[in-house]
C-alpha cells in the first residue's frame, strides 16, 4: 500500500473515533446557550465534561499509538503507555490488567503494543477482560495482549492484517491500526502471532 493511501485511511480512522465526543461537546455548548433551566444546564455540563475527557483520553492514546512521540530512537516509559491505555478504557465495559517487568520500551515496539491493544479491544463488542503482559527473557522482550469475554468477535480481516497474512486494506479505516502494527513489527524483524484459546479468548503475542 502507498504511504499516502495509508495516511489517508489512518486520518479517517482518527476522525471517526473523535467525531462523536467532539460533536457532543458542540451540541452541549449549543444547548447551554439557550437553556435556562438549572437542572438541565447541570446535566449538559456533565455531558460536556464526559465528552471532553473522552476526547482527551483518545488523543493521548493515539499520540503514542500513531504519532512520533518521543523522537526517533527514543525510549518511552511504560507507565505512559499504561496510563494512556487505562484512560482509553475509562468508563467502558473493558477491564484492563497490566503487568510489566520493564520500565521503558523503545517507541517502535511500544507502537506495536498499543495498536495490538486497540485491535484486540475491538473484539470485545460487549466488554470483557483484557490482560497486558510484558516480560523480558535475556535480550528479548515479549508482549502479550489477551482478551476474554462472554462474546468475542475477532474479524478475519483484522486478524489476517495484524498477523501479516495480508497487506490489502481495501479502503477500510477500521483495520488501519492492524496494518500499522504489522508493518512496524516487520520493520523490527518480527511478526505478531494470534493464539486462539477458545471461541471466547485469544492472545496477540509479539517478541523482539
C-alpha atoms as a PDB file:
ATOM      1  CA  UNK A   1       0.000   0.000   0.000  1.00  0.00           C
ATOM      2  CA  UNK A   2       1.198   3.508  -0.809  1.00  0.00           C
ATOM      3  CA  UNK A   3       2.134   5.593   2.214  1.00  0.00           C
ATOM      4  CA  UNK A   4      -0.255   8.385   1.235  1.00  0.00           C
ATOM      5  CA  UNK A   5      -3.144   5.940   0.940  1.00  0.00           C
ATOM      6  CA  UNK A   6      -2.421   4.532   4.379  1.00  0.00           C
ATOM      7  CA  UNK A   7      -2.067   8.022   5.875  1.00  0.00           C
ATOM      8  CA  UNK A   8      -5.485   8.925   4.462  1.00  0.00           C
ATOM      9  CA  UNK A   9      -7.066   5.803   5.975  1.00  0.00           C
ATOM     10  CA  UNK A  10      -5.463   6.449   9.356  1.00  0.00           C
ATOM     11  CA  UNK A  11      -6.752  10.034   9.294  1.00  0.00           C
ATOM     12  CA  UNK A  12     -10.215   8.679   8.501  1.00  0.00           C
ATOM     13  CA  UNK A  13      -9.949   6.354  11.471  1.00  0.00           C
ATOM     14  CA  UNK A  14      -8.967   9.223  13.759  1.00  0.00           C
ATOM     15  CA  UNK A  15     -11.836  11.387  12.539  1.00  0.00           C
ATOM     16  CA  UNK A  16     -14.295   8.513  13.029  1.00  0.00           C
ATOM     17  CA  UNK A  17     -13.185   7.945  16.629  1.00  0.00           C
ATOM     18  CA  UNK A  18     -13.123  11.617  17.586  1.00  0.00           C
ATOM     19  CA  UNK A  19     -16.211  12.963  15.842  1.00  0.00           C
ATOM     20  CA  UNK A  20     -18.660  11.539  18.401  1.00  0.00           C
ATOM     21  CA  UNK A  21     -17.245  13.152  21.584  1.00  0.00           C
ATOM     22  CA  UNK A  22     -16.333  16.373  19.762  1.00  0.00           C
ATOM     23  CA  UNK A  23     -19.827  16.513  18.273  1.00  0.00           C
ATOM     24  CA  UNK A  24     -21.306  16.026  21.737  1.00  0.00           C
ATOM     25  CA  UNK A  25     -19.268  18.982  23.002  1.00  0.00           C
ATOM     26  CA  UNK A  26     -20.539  21.142  20.148  1.00  0.00           C
ATOM     27  CA  UNK A  27     -24.156  20.126  20.793  1.00  0.00           C
ATOM     28  CA  UNK A  28     -23.775  20.695  24.522  1.00  0.00           C
ATOM     29  CA  UNK A  29     -22.456  24.216  24.054  1.00  0.00           C
ATOM     30  CA  UNK A  30     -25.354  24.994  21.701  1.00  0.00           C
ATOM     31  CA  UNK A  31     -27.876  23.753  24.255  1.00  0.00           C
ATOM     32  CA  UNK A  32     -26.260  25.775  27.044  1.00  0.00           C
ATOM     33  CA  UNK A  33     -26.579  28.965  25.025  1.00  0.00           C
ATOM     34  CA  UNK A  34     -30.389  28.639  25.050  1.00  0.00           C
ATOM     35  CA  UNK A  35     -31.140  26.597  28.178  1.00  0.00           C
ATOM     36  CA  UNK A  36     -32.224  28.452  31.323  1.00  0.00           C
ATOM     37  CA  UNK A  37     -33.291  25.520  33.496  1.00  0.00           C
ATOM     38  CA  UNK A  38     -30.525  24.988  36.076  1.00  0.00           C
ATOM     39  CA  UNK A  39     -31.057  21.246  36.376  1.00  0.00           C
ATOM     40  CA  UNK A  40     -30.845  20.824  32.623  1.00  0.00           C
ATOM     41  CA  UNK A  41     -27.738  23.008  32.474  1.00  0.00           C
ATOM     42  CA  UNK A  42     -26.130  20.842  35.151  1.00  0.00           C
ATOM     43  CA  UNK A  43     -26.832  17.692  33.103  1.00  0.00           C
ATOM     44  CA  UNK A  44     -25.409  19.304  29.988  1.00  0.00           C
ATOM     45  CA  UNK A  45     -22.275  20.265  31.915  1.00  0.00           C
ATOM     46  CA  UNK A  46     -21.834  16.621  32.937  1.00  0.00           C
ATOM     47  CA  UNK A  47     -22.114  15.622  29.278  1.00  0.00           C
ATOM     48  CA  UNK A  48     -19.542  18.244  28.316  1.00  0.00           C
ATOM     49  CA  UNK A  49     -17.119  17.039  30.978  1.00  0.00           C
ATOM     50  CA  UNK A  50     -17.523  13.409  29.890  1.00  0.00           C
ATOM     51  CA  UNK A  51     -17.102  14.211  26.191  1.00  0.00           C
ATOM     52  CA  UNK A  52     -14.067  16.424  26.832  1.00  0.00           C
ATOM     53  CA  UNK A  53     -12.458  13.645  28.893  1.00  0.00           C
ATOM     54  CA  UNK A  54     -13.150  11.061  26.165  1.00  0.00           C
ATOM     55  CA  UNK A  55     -11.604  13.311  23.523  1.00  0.00           C
ATOM     56  CA  UNK A  56      -8.531  13.982  25.635  1.00  0.00           C
ATOM     57  CA  UNK A  57      -8.059  10.303  26.534  1.00  0.00           C
ATOM     58  CA  UNK A  58      -8.324   9.169  22.928  1.00  0.00           C
ATOM     59  CA  UNK A  59      -5.885  11.831  21.739  1.00  0.00           C
ATOM     60  CA  UNK A  60      -3.328  10.850  24.403  1.00  0.00           C
ATOM     61  CA  UNK A  61      -3.537   7.210  23.356  1.00  0.00           C
ATOM     62  CA  UNK A  62      -3.421   7.933  19.632  1.00  0.00           C
ATOM     63  CA  UNK A  63      -0.441  10.245  20.079  1.00  0.00           C
ATOM     64  CA  UNK A  64       1.589   7.281  21.352  1.00  0.00           C
ATOM     65  CA  UNK A  65      -0.013   4.637  19.121  1.00  0.00           C
ATOM     66  CA  UNK A  66       0.039   6.536  15.827  1.00  0.00           C
ATOM     67  CA  UNK A  67       2.350   9.514  16.270  1.00  0.00           C
ATOM     68  CA  UNK A  68       6.051  10.182  16.659  1.00  0.00           C
ATOM     69  CA  UNK A  69       6.047  10.824  20.415  1.00  0.00           C
ATOM     70  CA  UNK A  70       9.482  10.693  21.998  1.00  0.00           C
ATOM     71  CA  UNK A  71      11.535  11.310  18.861  1.00  0.00           C
ATOM     72  CA  UNK A  72      13.460   8.891  16.678  1.00  0.00           C
ATOM     73  CA  UNK A  73      15.128   6.067  18.580  1.00  0.00           C
ATOM     74  CA  UNK A  74      13.729   7.251  21.888  1.00  0.00           C
ATOM     75  CA  UNK A  75      12.545   5.059  24.724  1.00  0.00           C
ATOM     76  CA  UNK A  76       9.174   5.753  26.311  1.00  0.00           C
ATOM     77  CA  UNK A  77       8.300   4.986  29.951  1.00  0.00           C
ATOM     78  CA  UNK A  78       5.944   2.020  30.228  1.00  0.00           C
ATOM     79  CA  UNK A  79       3.851   3.993  32.707  1.00  0.00           C
ATOM     80  CA  UNK A  80       2.965   6.444  29.898  1.00  0.00           C
ATOM     81  CA  UNK A  81       1.584   3.589  27.808  1.00  0.00           C
ATOM     82  CA  UNK A  82      -0.248   2.092  30.780  1.00  0.00           C
ATOM     83  CA  UNK A  83      -1.800   5.436  31.701  1.00  0.00           C
ATOM     84  CA  UNK A  84      -2.864   6.036  28.095  1.00  0.00           C
ATOM     85  CA  UNK A  85      -4.484   2.596  27.799  1.00  0.00           C
ATOM     86  CA  UNK A  86      -6.158   2.860  31.205  1.00  0.00           C
ATOM     87  CA  UNK A  87      -7.617   6.246  30.285  1.00  0.00           C
ATOM     88  CA  UNK A  88      -8.790   4.986  26.892  1.00  0.00           C
ATOM     89  CA  UNK A  89     -10.953   2.322  28.539  1.00  0.00           C
ATOM     90  CA  UNK A  90     -12.163   4.538  31.368  1.00  0.00           C
ATOM     91  CA  UNK A  91     -15.945   4.444  31.535  1.00  0.00           C
ATOM     92  CA  UNK A  92     -16.126   1.429  29.196  1.00  0.00           C
ATOM     93  CA  UNK A  93     -17.018  -2.214  29.992  1.00  0.00           C
ATOM     94  CA  UNK A  94     -13.422  -3.303  29.288  1.00  0.00           C
ATOM     95  CA  UNK A  95     -11.410  -4.259  32.380  1.00  0.00           C
ATOM     96  CA  UNK A  96      -7.665  -3.787  31.869  1.00  0.00           C
ATOM     97  CA  UNK A  97      -4.989  -5.652  33.836  1.00  0.00           C
ATOM     98  CA  UNK A  98      -1.395  -4.527  33.148  1.00  0.00           C
ATOM     99  CA  UNK A  99       1.813  -6.263  34.219  1.00  0.00           C
ATOM    100  CA  UNK A 100       5.310  -5.308  33.090  1.00  0.00           C
ATOM    101  CA  UNK A 101       8.809  -6.477  34.004  1.00  0.00           C
ATOM    102  CA  UNK A 102      10.434  -3.483  32.306  1.00  0.00           C
ATOM    103  CA  UNK A 103      10.262   0.245  32.948  1.00  0.00           C
ATOM    104  CA  UNK A 104      10.616   1.570  29.420  1.00  0.00           C
ATOM    105  CA  UNK A 105      10.332   0.468  25.811  1.00  0.00           C
ATOM    106  CA  UNK A 106      11.594   1.820  22.508  1.00  0.00           C
ATOM    107  CA  UNK A 107       8.885   3.762  20.738  1.00  0.00           C
ATOM    108  CA  UNK A 108       8.585   1.377  17.777  1.00  0.00           C
ATOM    109  CA  UNK A 109       7.925  -1.646  19.994  1.00  0.00           C
ATOM    110  CA  UNK A 110       5.542   0.472  22.053  1.00  0.00           C
ATOM    111  CA  UNK A 111       3.676   1.453  18.902  1.00  0.00           C
ATOM    112  CA  UNK A 112       3.175  -2.240  18.088  1.00  0.00           C
ATOM    113  CA  UNK A 113       1.922  -2.932  21.606  1.00  0.00           C
ATOM    114  CA  UNK A 114      -0.588  -0.067  21.689  1.00  0.00           C
ATOM    115  CA  UNK A 115      -2.015  -0.971  18.301  1.00  0.00           C
ATOM    116  CA  UNK A 116      -2.282  -4.593  19.429  1.00  0.00           C
ATOM    117  CA  UNK A 117      -4.291  -3.316  22.398  1.00  0.00           C
ATOM    118  CA  UNK A 118      -6.543  -1.237  20.149  1.00  0.00           C
ATOM    119  CA  UNK A 119      -7.163  -4.078  17.698  1.00  0.00           C
ATOM    120  CA  UNK A 120      -7.794  -6.630  20.458  1.00  0.00           C
ATOM    121  CA  UNK A 121     -10.174  -4.292  22.288  1.00  0.00           C
ATOM    122  CA  UNK A 122     -12.430  -4.067  19.253  1.00  0.00           C
ATOM    123  CA  UNK A 123     -13.150  -7.786  19.521  1.00  0.00           C
ATOM    124  CA  UNK A 124     -14.783  -7.150  22.918  1.00  0.00           C
ATOM    125  CA  UNK A 125     -18.037  -5.945  21.435  1.00  0.00           C
ATOM    126  CA  UNK A 126     -19.860  -6.114  24.774  1.00  0.00           C
ATOM    127  CA  UNK A 127     -16.881  -5.556  27.019  1.00  0.00           C
ATOM    128  CA  UNK A 128     -14.761  -8.072  28.872  1.00  0.00           C
ATOM    129  CA  UNK A 129     -11.303  -8.583  30.329  1.00  0.00           C
ATOM    130  CA  UNK A 130      -8.009  -7.583  28.764  1.00  0.00           C
ATOM    131  CA  UNK A 131      -4.592  -8.519  30.157  1.00  0.00           C
ATOM    132  CA  UNK A 132      -1.337  -6.921  29.007  1.00  0.00           C
ATOM    133  CA  UNK A 133       1.834  -8.776  29.993  1.00  0.00           C
ATOM    134  CA  UNK A 134       5.327  -7.552  29.167  1.00  0.00           C
ATOM    135  CA  UNK A 135       8.177  -9.887  30.082  1.00  0.00           C
ATOM    136  CA  UNK A 136      11.900  -9.994  29.403  1.00  0.00           C
ATOM    137  CA  UNK A 137      13.891 -13.134  28.618  1.00  0.00           C
ATOM    138  CA  UNK A 138      17.560 -12.415  28.071  1.00  0.00           C
ATOM    139  CA  UNK A 139      17.670  -9.626  25.488  1.00  0.00           C
ATOM    140  CA  UNK A 140      14.182 -10.393  24.193  1.00  0.00           C
ATOM    141  CA  UNK A 141      11.043  -8.517  25.173  1.00  0.00           C
ATOM    142  CA  UNK A 142       7.766 -10.426  24.872  1.00  0.00           C
ATOM    143  CA  UNK A 143       4.498  -8.514  24.811  1.00  0.00           C
ATOM    144  CA  UNK A 144       1.159 -10.282  25.068  1.00  0.00           C
ATOM    145  CA  UNK A 145      -2.337  -8.846  24.871  1.00  0.00           C
ATOM    146  CA  UNK A 146      -5.024 -11.332  25.916  1.00  0.00           C
ATOM    147  CA  UNK A 147      -8.793 -10.875  25.854  1.00  0.00           C
ATOM    148  CA  UNK A 148     -11.610 -12.891  27.375  1.00  0.00           C
ATOM    149  CA  UNK A 149     -15.362 -12.300  27.403  1.00  0.00           C
ATOM    150  CA  UNK A 150     -18.728 -13.993  27.078  1.00  0.00           C
ATOM    151  CA  UNK A 151     -18.698 -12.950  23.443  1.00  0.00           C
ATOM    152  CA  UNK A 152     -15.581 -12.207  21.388  1.00  0.00           C
ATOM    153  CA  UNK A 153     -15.690 -11.365  17.691  1.00  0.00           C
ATOM    154  CA  UNK A 154     -12.268 -11.005  16.077  1.00  0.00           C
ATOM    155  CA  UNK A 155     -12.842 -10.197  12.422  1.00  0.00           C
ATOM    156  CA  UNK A 156     -10.861 -12.340   9.985  1.00  0.00           C
ATOM    157  CA  UNK A 157      -9.539  -9.352   8.053  1.00  0.00           C
ATOM    158  CA  UNK A 158      -8.234  -7.702  11.232  1.00  0.00           C
ATOM    159  CA  UNK A 159      -6.586 -10.953  12.342  1.00  0.00           C
ATOM    160  CA  UNK A 160      -5.028 -11.568   8.938  1.00  0.00           C
ATOM    161  CA  UNK A 161      -3.804  -7.994   8.745  1.00  0.00           C
ATOM    162  CA  UNK A 162      -2.191  -7.799  12.168  1.00  0.00           C
ATOM    163  CA  UNK A 163      -0.503 -11.188  11.663  1.00  0.00           C
ATOM    164  CA  UNK A 164       0.942 -10.080   8.335  1.00  0.00           C
ATOM    165  CA  UNK A 165      -1.039 -12.589   6.280  1.00  0.00           C
ATOM    166  CA  UNK A 166      -2.407  -9.817   4.058  1.00  0.00           C
ATOM    167  CA  UNK A 167      -1.467  -6.228   3.249  1.00  0.00           C
ATOM    168  CA  UNK A 168      -4.693  -5.226   1.499  1.00  0.00           C
ATOM    169  CA  UNK A 169      -6.723  -2.713   3.464  1.00  0.00           C
ATOM    170  CA  UNK A 170      -9.475  -2.434   0.817  1.00  0.00           C
ATOM    171  CA  UNK A 171     -10.121   1.148   1.876  1.00  0.00           C
ATOM    172  CA  UNK A 172     -11.192   0.117   5.399  1.00  0.00           C
ATOM    173  CA  UNK A 173     -10.051   2.682   8.018  1.00  0.00           C
ATOM    174  CA  UNK A 174     -11.153   0.381  10.841  1.00  0.00           C
ATOM    175  CA  UNK A 175      -8.240  -2.014  10.314  1.00  0.00           C
ATOM    176  CA  UNK A 176      -5.609   0.684   9.749  1.00  0.00           C
ATOM    177  CA  UNK A 177      -4.214   0.097  13.295  1.00  0.00           C
ATOM    178  CA  UNK A 178      -3.732  -3.604  12.449  1.00  0.00           C
ATOM    179  CA  UNK A 179      -1.823  -2.626   9.308  1.00  0.00           C
ATOM    180  CA  UNK A 180       0.342  -0.214  11.295  1.00  0.00           C
ATOM    181  CA  UNK A 181       1.134  -2.821  13.960  1.00  0.00           C
ATOM    182  CA  UNK A 182       2.042  -5.430  11.370  1.00  0.00           C
ATOM    183  CA  UNK A 183       4.188  -3.015   9.364  1.00  0.00           C
ATOM    184  CA  UNK A 184       6.195  -1.805  12.362  1.00  0.00           C
ATOM    185  CA  UNK A 185       6.621  -5.397  13.605  1.00  0.00           C
ATOM    186  CA  UNK A 186       8.006  -6.355  10.197  1.00  0.00           C
ATOM    187  CA  UNK A 187      10.456  -3.426  10.298  1.00  0.00           C
ATOM    188  CA  UNK A 188      11.655  -4.768  13.651  1.00  0.00           C
ATOM    189  CA  UNK A 189      12.295  -8.168  12.063  1.00  0.00           C
ATOM    190  CA  UNK A 190       9.387  -9.901  13.753  1.00  0.00           C
ATOM    191  CA  UNK A 191       5.655 -10.542  13.404  1.00  0.00           C
ATOM    192  CA  UNK A 192       2.594 -10.718  15.595  1.00  0.00           C
ATOM    193  CA  UNK A 193       1.148 -14.113  16.489  1.00  0.00           C
ATOM    194  CA  UNK A 194      -2.501 -14.888  17.092  1.00  0.00           C
ATOM    195  CA  UNK A 195      -3.083 -17.634  19.670  1.00  0.00           C
ATOM    196  CA  UNK A 196      -6.683 -18.774  19.996  1.00  0.00           C
ATOM    197  CA  UNK A 197      -7.512 -20.353  23.350  1.00  0.00           C
ATOM    198  CA  UNK A 198     -11.209 -20.901  22.666  1.00  0.00           C
ATOM    199  CA  UNK A 199     -14.059 -19.048  20.986  1.00  0.00           C
ATOM    200  CA  UNK A 200     -14.184 -16.544  23.843  1.00  0.00           C
ATOM    201  CA  UNK A 201     -10.474 -15.898  24.378  1.00  0.00           C
ATOM    202  CA  UNK A 202      -7.313 -15.228  22.391  1.00  0.00           C
ATOM    203  CA  UNK A 203      -3.848 -13.681  22.714  1.00  0.00           C
ATOM    204  CA  UNK A 204      -1.820 -11.459  20.417  1.00  0.00           C
ATOM    205  CA  UNK A 205       1.902 -12.059  21.004  1.00  0.00           C
ATOM    206  CA  UNK A 206       4.910 -10.090  19.805  1.00  0.00           C
ATOM    207  CA  UNK A 207       8.607 -10.687  20.521  1.00  0.00           C
ATOM    208  CA  UNK A 208      11.647  -8.521  19.772  1.00  0.00           C
END
